[in-house]
Amino acid sequence: MICPFFGDQPFWGNRVYHLVAGPKPVKQNKLTVEKLAKAIDMMINTTSIQQKAAQIGETLRGEDGIANAVQFIERVANGDVS
C-alpha cells in the first residue's frame, strides 16, 4: 500500500493500483485506521493482488537498475532522448 505524500509517490501509488498489484493509494493526510485496515485486509486476502505483486517483484529483481539508469543518463547526455 502506498500512502503518497511527496514527489513521485502519487504516480507510483496510482501505477501499483492500475496494475492491480495493490489497493488504491490513500494520501497520508487522508489515511485513517479504517482505510489502512481495509487496505491491509485486501492485500492479505486477495490472491490476484499477491500474484501480481510477486510477478512485478520478480521482473524488477531480474533487471539491472543501475546499468539501465547509467545507459539512460548517457543517452540524455548525448542528446539521444528517443
C-alpha atoms as a PDB file:
ATOM      1  CA  MET A   1       0.000   0.000   0.000  1.00  0.00           C
ATOM      2  CA  ILE A   2       1.273   3.398  -0.912  1.00  0.00           C
ATOM      3  CA  CYS A   3       0.392   6.492   1.101  1.00  0.00           C
ATOM      4  CA  PRO A   4       1.813   9.252  -1.083  1.00  0.00           C
ATOM      5  CA  PHE A   5       2.937  12.499   0.475  1.00  0.00           C
ATOM      6  CA  PHE A   6       5.894  13.679  -1.642  1.00  0.00           C
ATOM      7  CA  GLY A   7       7.479  13.723  -5.061  1.00  0.00           C
ATOM      8  CA  ASP A   8       6.740  10.819  -7.392  1.00  0.00           C
ATOM      9  CA  GLN A   9       4.817   8.784  -4.797  1.00  0.00           C
ATOM     10  CA  PRO A  10       1.350   9.698  -6.187  1.00  0.00           C
ATOM     11  CA  PHE A  11       2.472   8.445  -9.606  1.00  0.00           C
ATOM     12  CA  TRP A  12       3.764   5.134  -8.225  1.00  0.00           C
ATOM     13  CA  GLY A  13       0.741   4.668  -5.979  1.00  0.00           C
ATOM     14  CA  ASN A  14      -1.558   5.004  -8.970  1.00  0.00           C
ATOM     15  CA  ARG A  15       0.692   2.776 -11.062  1.00  0.00           C
ATOM     16  CA  VAL A  16       0.566  -0.034  -8.480  1.00  0.00           C
ATOM     17  CA  TYR A  17      -3.217   0.355  -8.239  1.00  0.00           C
ATOM     18  CA  HIS A  18      -3.763   0.322 -12.010  1.00  0.00           C
ATOM     19  CA  LEU A  19      -1.521  -2.739 -12.364  1.00  0.00           C
ATOM     20  CA  VAL A  20      -3.789  -4.415  -9.773  1.00  0.00           C
ATOM     21  CA  ALA A  21      -0.770  -5.042  -7.544  1.00  0.00           C
ATOM     22  CA  GLY A  22      -2.120  -3.169  -4.546  1.00  0.00           C
ATOM     23  CA  PRO A  23      -5.002  -1.118  -3.223  1.00  0.00           C
ATOM     24  CA  LYS A  24      -5.841   2.398  -4.309  1.00  0.00           C
ATOM     25  CA  PRO A  25      -3.345   4.822  -2.753  1.00  0.00           C
ATOM     26  CA  VAL A  26      -4.509   6.927   0.170  1.00  0.00           C
ATOM     27  CA  LYS A  27      -2.859  10.304   0.705  1.00  0.00           C
ATOM     28  CA  GLN A  28      -1.107  10.473   4.035  1.00  0.00           C
ATOM     29  CA  ASN A  29      -3.350  13.292   5.263  1.00  0.00           C
ATOM     30  CA  LYS A  30      -6.463  11.215   4.370  1.00  0.00           C
ATOM     31  CA  LEU A  31      -5.277   7.974   5.993  1.00  0.00           C
ATOM     32  CA  THR A  32      -7.472   6.586   8.771  1.00  0.00           C
ATOM     33  CA  VAL A  33      -7.300   3.412  10.819  1.00  0.00           C
ATOM     34  CA  GLU A  34     -10.282   2.082   8.875  1.00  0.00           C
ATOM     35  CA  LYS A  35      -8.727   2.787   5.460  1.00  0.00           C
ATOM     36  CA  LEU A  36      -5.426   1.230   6.498  1.00  0.00           C
ATOM     37  CA  ALA A  37      -7.145  -1.855   7.927  1.00  0.00           C
ATOM     38  CA  LYS A  38      -9.211  -2.255   4.747  1.00  0.00           C
ATOM     39  CA  ALA A  39      -6.111  -1.980   2.545  1.00  0.00           C
ATOM     40  CA  ILE A  40      -4.145  -4.474   4.652  1.00  0.00           C
ATOM     41  CA  ASP A  41      -7.081  -6.893   4.583  1.00  0.00           C
ATOM     42  CA  MET A  42      -7.274  -6.542   0.796  1.00  0.00           C
ATOM     43  CA  MET A  43      -3.547  -7.240   0.374  1.00  0.00           C
ATOM     44  CA  ILE A  44      -3.644 -10.251   2.708  1.00  0.00           C
ATOM     45  CA  ASN A  45      -6.798 -11.820   1.309  1.00  0.00           C
ATOM     46  CA  THR A  46      -6.732 -11.065  -2.428  1.00  0.00           C
ATOM     47  CA  THR A  47      -4.778 -13.754  -4.222  1.00  0.00           C
ATOM     48  CA  SER A  48      -4.725 -11.866  -7.526  1.00  0.00           C
ATOM     49  CA  ILE A  49      -3.060  -8.844  -5.888  1.00  0.00           C
ATOM     50  CA  GLN A  50      -0.465 -11.072  -4.229  1.00  0.00           C
ATOM     51  CA  GLN A  51       0.268 -12.854  -7.519  1.00  0.00           C
ATOM     52  CA  LYS A  52       0.563  -9.621  -9.492  1.00  0.00           C
ATOM     53  CA  ALA A  53       2.825  -8.032  -6.862  1.00  0.00           C
ATOM     54  CA  ALA A  54       5.015 -11.163  -6.852  1.00  0.00           C
ATOM     55  CA  GLN A  55       5.215 -11.112 -10.652  1.00  0.00           C
ATOM     56  CA  ILE A  56       6.256  -7.455 -10.688  1.00  0.00           C
ATOM     57  CA  GLY A  57       8.800  -8.108  -7.939  1.00  0.00           C
ATOM     58  CA  GLU A  58      10.312 -10.969  -9.923  1.00  0.00           C
ATOM     59  CA  THR A  59      10.607  -8.769 -13.012  1.00  0.00           C
ATOM     60  CA  LEU A  60      12.253  -5.959 -11.038  1.00  0.00           C
ATOM     61  CA  ARG A  61      14.726  -8.330  -9.373  1.00  0.00           C
ATOM     62  CA  GLY A  62      15.729  -9.544 -12.844  1.00  0.00           C
ATOM     63  CA  GLU A  63      16.626  -6.045 -14.031  1.00  0.00           C
ATOM     64  CA  ASP A  64      19.965  -4.321 -13.618  1.00  0.00           C
ATOM     65  CA  GLY A  65      18.558  -0.990 -12.484  1.00  0.00           C
ATOM     66  CA  ILE A  66      21.916   0.719 -12.088  1.00  0.00           C
ATOM     67  CA  ALA A  67      23.067  -0.234 -15.595  1.00  0.00           C
ATOM     68  CA  ASN A  68      19.710   0.861 -17.026  1.00  0.00           C
ATOM     69  CA  ALA A  69      19.974   4.218 -15.240  1.00  0.00           C
ATOM     70  CA  VAL A  70      23.546   4.750 -16.459  1.00  0.00           C
ATOM     71  CA  GLN A  71      22.527   3.966 -20.045  1.00  0.00           C
ATOM     72  CA  PHE A  72      19.604   6.381 -19.812  1.00  0.00           C
ATOM     73  CA  ILE A  73      21.768   9.174 -18.387  1.00  0.00           C
ATOM     74  CA  GLU A  74      24.397   8.618 -21.090  1.00  0.00           C
ATOM     75  CA  ARG A  75      21.738   8.761 -23.833  1.00  0.00           C
ATOM     76  CA  VAL A  76      20.313  12.002 -22.445  1.00  0.00           C
ATOM     77  CA  ALA A  77      23.812  13.473 -22.053  1.00  0.00           C
ATOM     78  CA  ASN A  78      24.497  12.622 -25.694  1.00  0.00           C
ATOM     79  CA  GLY A  79      21.265  14.251 -26.840  1.00  0.00           C
ATOM     80  CA  ASP A  80      19.517  10.962 -27.691  1.00  0.00           C
ATOM     81  CA  VAL A  81      16.194  11.311 -25.896  1.00  0.00           C
ATOM     82  CA  SER A  82      14.285   8.818 -28.039  1.00  0.00           C
END
